[in-house]
Amino acid sequence: MTNLSWSKHLFGIIKTKNKALIGVVCITLLALILVIYVPPLRNLFHFSVLSAEDLLIALISGVVSLLWFEIFKVLSRRFVSIA
């Protein structure tokens, strides 16, 4: 999501009405939930049920990934404008 625009920050991208993005994110989350928590699908992909700790680690990792890239975009804009 952060790579959608080098000129807008993440919240600007989210605030922009983008039905395709919303659809893709919702379908992806639904598919992920089904594959992890529906036993036949979970067995098909050889996954196991995630614990609350696993989900928290994944959430924190995702947030940190988004934040560092947003910081990178801001810093790269500043250095490009200085040069």
N, C-alpha and C. Protein backbone atom coordinates (compact mmCIF):
# COMPACT_ATOMS: atom_id res chain seq x y z
N MET A 1 0.81 -1.20 0.00
CA MET A 1 0.00 0.00 0.00
C MET A 1 0.85 1.26 0.00
N THR A 2 1.96 1.23 0.71
CA THR A 2 2.77 2.44 0.74
C THR A 2 3.46 2.70 -0.58
N ASN A 3 3.66 1.68 -1.37
CA ASN A 3 4.34 1.84 -2.64
C ASN A 3 3.40 2.33 -3.75
N LEU A 4 2.12 2.56 -3.43
CA LEU A 4 1.18 3.06 -4.42
C LEU A 4 1.54 4.47 -4.87
N SER A 5 2.13 5.23 -3.99
CA SER A 5 2.43 6.61 -4.34
C SER A 5 3.68 7.08 -3.62
N TRP A 6 4.57 7.69 -4.37
CA TRP A 6 5.77 8.28 -3.76
C TRP A 6 5.50 9.72 -3.35
N SER A 7 4.36 10.27 -3.76
CA SER A 7 4.09 11.66 -3.44
C SER A 7 3.11 11.81 -2.27
N LYS A 8 2.37 10.77 -1.94
CA LYS A 8 1.41 10.82 -0.83
C LYS A 8 1.89 9.92 0.30
N HIS A 9 1.50 10.29 1.50
CA HIS A 9 1.81 9.42 2.63
C HIS A 9 0.71 8.37 2.75
N LEU A 10 0.91 7.38 3.63
CA LEU A 10 0.01 6.24 3.74
C LEU A 10 -1.42 6.67 4.04
N PHE A 11 -1.62 7.61 4.95
CA PHE A 11 -2.97 8.04 5.29
C PHE A 11 -3.64 8.76 4.13
N GLY A 12 -2.87 9.45 3.32
CA GLY A 12 -3.42 10.08 2.12
C GLY A 12 -3.89 9.04 1.11
N ILE A 13 -3.15 7.95 1.01
CA ILE A 13 -3.53 6.87 0.11
C ILE A 13 -4.81 6.20 0.60
N ILE A 14 -4.89 5.98 1.91
CA ILE A 14 -6.06 5.32 2.49
C ILE A 14 -7.29 6.21 2.35
N LYS A 15 -7.13 7.53 2.53
CA LYS A 15 -8.26 8.45 2.43
C LYS A 15 -8.79 8.57 1.01
N THR A 16 -7.93 8.34 0.02
CA THR A 16 -8.35 8.40 -1.38
C THR A 16 -9.29 7.23 -1.65
N LYS A 17 -10.45 7.52 -2.23
CA LYS A 17 -11.42 6.46 -2.48
C LYS A 17 -10.93 5.60 -3.64
N ASN A 18 -10.59 4.36 -3.34
CA ASN A 18 -10.07 3.44 -4.34
C ASN A 18 -10.78 2.10 -4.14
N LYS A 19 -11.86 1.90 -4.89
CA LYS A 19 -12.68 0.70 -4.72
C LYS A 19 -11.90 -0.57 -5.04
N ALA A 20 -11.04 -0.51 -6.02
CA ALA A 20 -10.25 -1.69 -6.39
C ALA A 20 -9.33 -2.10 -5.24
N LEU A 21 -8.66 -1.13 -4.62
CA LEU A 21 -7.76 -1.41 -3.51
C LEU A 21 -8.54 -2.01 -2.34
N ILE A 22 -9.68 -1.43 -2.01
CA ILE A 22 -10.50 -1.94 -0.91
C ILE A 22 -10.93 -3.37 -1.21
N GLY A 23 -11.35 -3.63 -2.43
CA GLY A 23 -11.75 -4.98 -2.82
C GLY A 23 -10.62 -5.99 -2.70
N VAL A 24 -9.46 -5.62 -3.20
CA VAL A 24 -8.30 -6.53 -3.15
C VAL A 24 -7.91 -6.81 -1.70
N VAL A 25 -7.87 -5.79 -0.87
CA VAL A 25 -7.49 -5.98 0.54
C VAL A 25 -8.52 -6.86 1.25
N CYS A 26 -9.80 -6.61 1.05
CA CYS A 26 -10.85 -7.40 1.71
C CYS A 26 -10.83 -8.86 1.25
N ILE A 27 -10.70 -9.08 -0.05
CA ILE A 27 -10.67 -10.45 -0.56
C ILE A 27 -9.42 -11.18 -0.07
N THR A 28 -8.30 -10.49 -0.02
CA THR A 28 -7.06 -11.10 0.46
C THR A 28 -7.18 -11.49 1.92
N LEU A 29 -7.71 -10.59 2.75
CA LEU A 29 -7.88 -10.91 4.17
C LEU A 29 -8.85 -12.06 4.36
N LEU A 30 -9.95 -12.06 3.62
CA LEU A 30 -10.92 -13.15 3.72
C LEU A 30 -10.28 -14.48 3.32
N ALA A 31 -9.54 -14.50 2.22
CA ALA A 31 -8.88 -15.73 1.78
C ALA A 31 -7.87 -16.21 2.81
N LEU A 32 -7.13 -15.29 3.40
CA LEU A 32 -6.15 -15.66 4.42
C LEU A 32 -6.82 -16.25 5.65
N ILE A 33 -7.90 -15.63 6.09
CA ILE A 33 -8.64 -16.14 7.25
C ILE A 33 -9.20 -17.53 6.96
N LEU A 34 -9.76 -17.72 5.77
CA LEU A 34 -10.30 -19.02 5.41
C LEU A 34 -9.21 -20.10 5.37
N VAL A 35 -8.09 -19.78 4.77
CA VAL A 35 -7.01 -20.76 4.63
C VAL A 35 -6.41 -21.12 5.99
N ILE A 36 -6.42 -20.20 6.92
CA ILE A 36 -5.83 -20.48 8.23
C ILE A 36 -6.82 -21.15 9.18
N TYR A 37 -8.10 -20.80 9.10
CA TYR A 37 -9.04 -21.26 10.12
C TYR A 37 -10.08 -22.27 9.65
N VAL A 38 -10.17 -22.60 8.38
CA VAL A 38 -11.07 -23.65 7.90
C VAL A 38 -10.23 -24.92 7.76
N PRO A 39 -10.54 -25.95 8.56
CA PRO A 39 -9.68 -27.15 8.61
C PRO A 39 -9.35 -27.79 7.27
N PRO A 40 -10.29 -28.01 6.34
CA PRO A 40 -9.88 -28.63 5.07
C PRO A 40 -8.89 -27.77 4.27
N LEU A 41 -9.10 -26.46 4.26
CA LEU A 41 -8.16 -25.57 3.56
C LEU A 41 -6.83 -25.51 4.29
N ARG A 42 -6.89 -25.47 5.61
CA ARG A 42 -5.67 -25.43 6.41
C ARG A 42 -4.83 -26.68 6.15
N ASN A 43 -5.48 -27.84 6.08
CA ASN A 43 -4.76 -29.09 5.83
C ASN A 43 -4.21 -29.14 4.41
N LEU A 44 -4.96 -28.59 3.46
CA LEU A 44 -4.50 -28.56 2.08
C LEU A 44 -3.17 -27.82 1.94
N PHE A 45 -3.04 -26.70 2.67
CA PHE A 45 -1.82 -25.89 2.60
C PHE A 45 -0.81 -26.22 3.70
N HIS A 46 -1.13 -27.20 4.55
CA HIS A 46 -0.26 -27.62 5.65
C HIS A 46 0.04 -26.48 6.62
N PHE A 47 -0.99 -25.69 6.91
CA PHE A 47 -0.86 -24.61 7.89
C PHE A 47 -1.33 -25.12 9.25
N SER A 48 -1.02 -24.36 10.28
CA SER A 48 -1.57 -24.64 11.60
C SER A 48 -2.29 -23.38 12.08
N VAL A 49 -3.13 -23.52 13.08
CA VAL A 49 -3.87 -22.39 13.61
C VAL A 49 -2.89 -21.43 14.28
N LEU A 50 -3.09 -20.15 14.04
CA LEU A 50 -2.22 -19.15 14.66
C LEU A 50 -2.71 -18.82 16.06
N SER A 51 -1.77 -18.69 16.96
CA SER A 51 -2.12 -18.27 18.32
C SER A 51 -2.25 -16.75 18.35
N ALA A 52 -2.74 -16.23 19.45
CA ALA A 52 -2.86 -14.78 19.61
C ALA A 52 -1.47 -14.13 19.52
N GLU A 53 -0.48 -14.80 20.05
CA GLU A 53 0.89 -14.28 20.01
C GLU A 53 1.39 -14.20 18.57
N ASP A 54 1.10 -15.23 17.78
CA ASP A 54 1.50 -15.25 16.36
C ASP A 54 0.84 -14.10 15.60
N LEU A 55 -0.44 -13.90 15.84
CA LEU A 55 -1.17 -12.82 15.18
C LEU A 55 -0.61 -11.45 15.56
N LEU A 56 -0.26 -11.29 16.83
CA LEU A 56 0.32 -10.03 17.29
C LEU A 56 1.67 -9.77 16.64
N ILE A 57 2.49 -10.80 16.54
CA ILE A 57 3.79 -10.66 15.89
C ILE A 57 3.61 -10.25 14.43
N ALA A 58 2.67 -10.89 13.73
CA ALA A 58 2.41 -10.57 12.32
C ALA A 58 1.91 -9.13 12.18
N LEU A 59 1.01 -8.71 13.07
CA LEU A 59 0.48 -7.35 13.02
C LEU A 59 1.58 -6.31 13.26
N ILE A 60 2.38 -6.54 14.27
CA ILE A 60 3.47 -5.61 14.58
C ILE A 60 4.47 -5.56 13.43
N SER A 61 4.79 -6.71 12.84
CA SER A 61 5.72 -6.75 11.71
C SER A 61 5.18 -5.96 10.52
N GLY A 62 3.90 -6.10 10.25
CA GLY A 62 3.28 -5.36 9.16
C GLY A 62 3.30 -3.86 9.39
N VAL A 63 2.97 -3.45 10.60
CA VAL A 63 2.96 -2.02 10.93
C VAL A 63 4.37 -1.43 10.84
N VAL A 64 5.35 -2.14 11.38
CA VAL A 64 6.74 -1.67 11.32
C VAL A 64 7.21 -1.57 9.86
N SER A 65 6.83 -2.53 9.04
CA SER A 65 7.21 -2.49 7.62
C SER A 65 6.63 -1.26 6.93
N LEU A 66 5.35 -0.99 7.18
CA LEU A 66 4.73 0.19 6.58
C LEU A 66 5.38 1.48 7.08
N LEU A 67 5.65 1.54 8.38
CA LEU A 67 6.22 2.77 8.94
C LEU A 67 7.62 3.05 8.42
N TRP A 68 8.48 2.02 8.35
CA TRP A 68 9.85 2.30 7.90
C TRP A 68 9.85 2.76 6.45
N PHE A 69 8.95 2.21 5.63
CA PHE A 69 8.92 2.63 4.24
C PHE A 69 8.38 4.05 4.10
N GLU A 70 7.42 4.41 4.94
CA GLU A 70 6.93 5.79 4.94
C GLU A 70 8.04 6.76 5.34
N ILE A 71 8.82 6.39 6.34
CA ILE A 71 9.95 7.23 6.77
C ILE A 71 10.97 7.33 5.63
N PHE A 72 11.23 6.23 4.96
CA PHE A 72 12.16 6.23 3.83
C PHE A 72 11.67 7.17 2.74
N LYS A 73 10.37 7.15 2.43
CA LYS A 73 9.84 8.02 1.39
C LYS A 73 10.00 9.49 1.77
N VAL A 74 9.73 9.83 3.01
CA VAL A 74 9.87 11.22 3.46
C VAL A 74 11.33 11.66 3.37
N LEU A 75 12.24 10.82 3.86
CA LEU A 75 13.66 11.17 3.83
C LEU A 75 14.19 11.27 2.41
N SER A 76 13.76 10.37 1.54
CA SER A 76 14.25 10.42 0.16
C SER A 76 13.75 11.67 -0.55
N ARG A 77 12.54 12.12 -0.25
CA ARG A 77 12.02 13.37 -0.84
C ARG A 77 12.83 14.57 -0.37
N ARG A 78 13.20 14.56 0.90
CA ARG A 78 13.97 15.69 1.44
C ARG A 78 15.37 15.76 0.82
N PHE A 79 16.01 14.60 0.69
CA PHE A 79 17.36 14.59 0.12
C PHE A 79 17.35 14.91 -1.36
N VAL A 80 16.31 14.50 -2.07
CA VAL A 80 16.21 14.81 -3.50
C VAL A 80 15.96 16.30 -3.69
N SER A 81 15.14 16.91 -2.82
CA SER A 81 14.83 18.34 -2.96
C SER A 81 16.04 19.20 -2.59
N ILE A 82 16.93 18.69 -1.75
CA ILE A 82 18.13 19.45 -1.34
C ILE A 82 19.15 19.45 -2.47
N ALA A 83 19.26 18.32 -3.17
CA ALA A 83 20.28 18.18 -4.21
C ALA A 83 20.01 18.98 -5.44
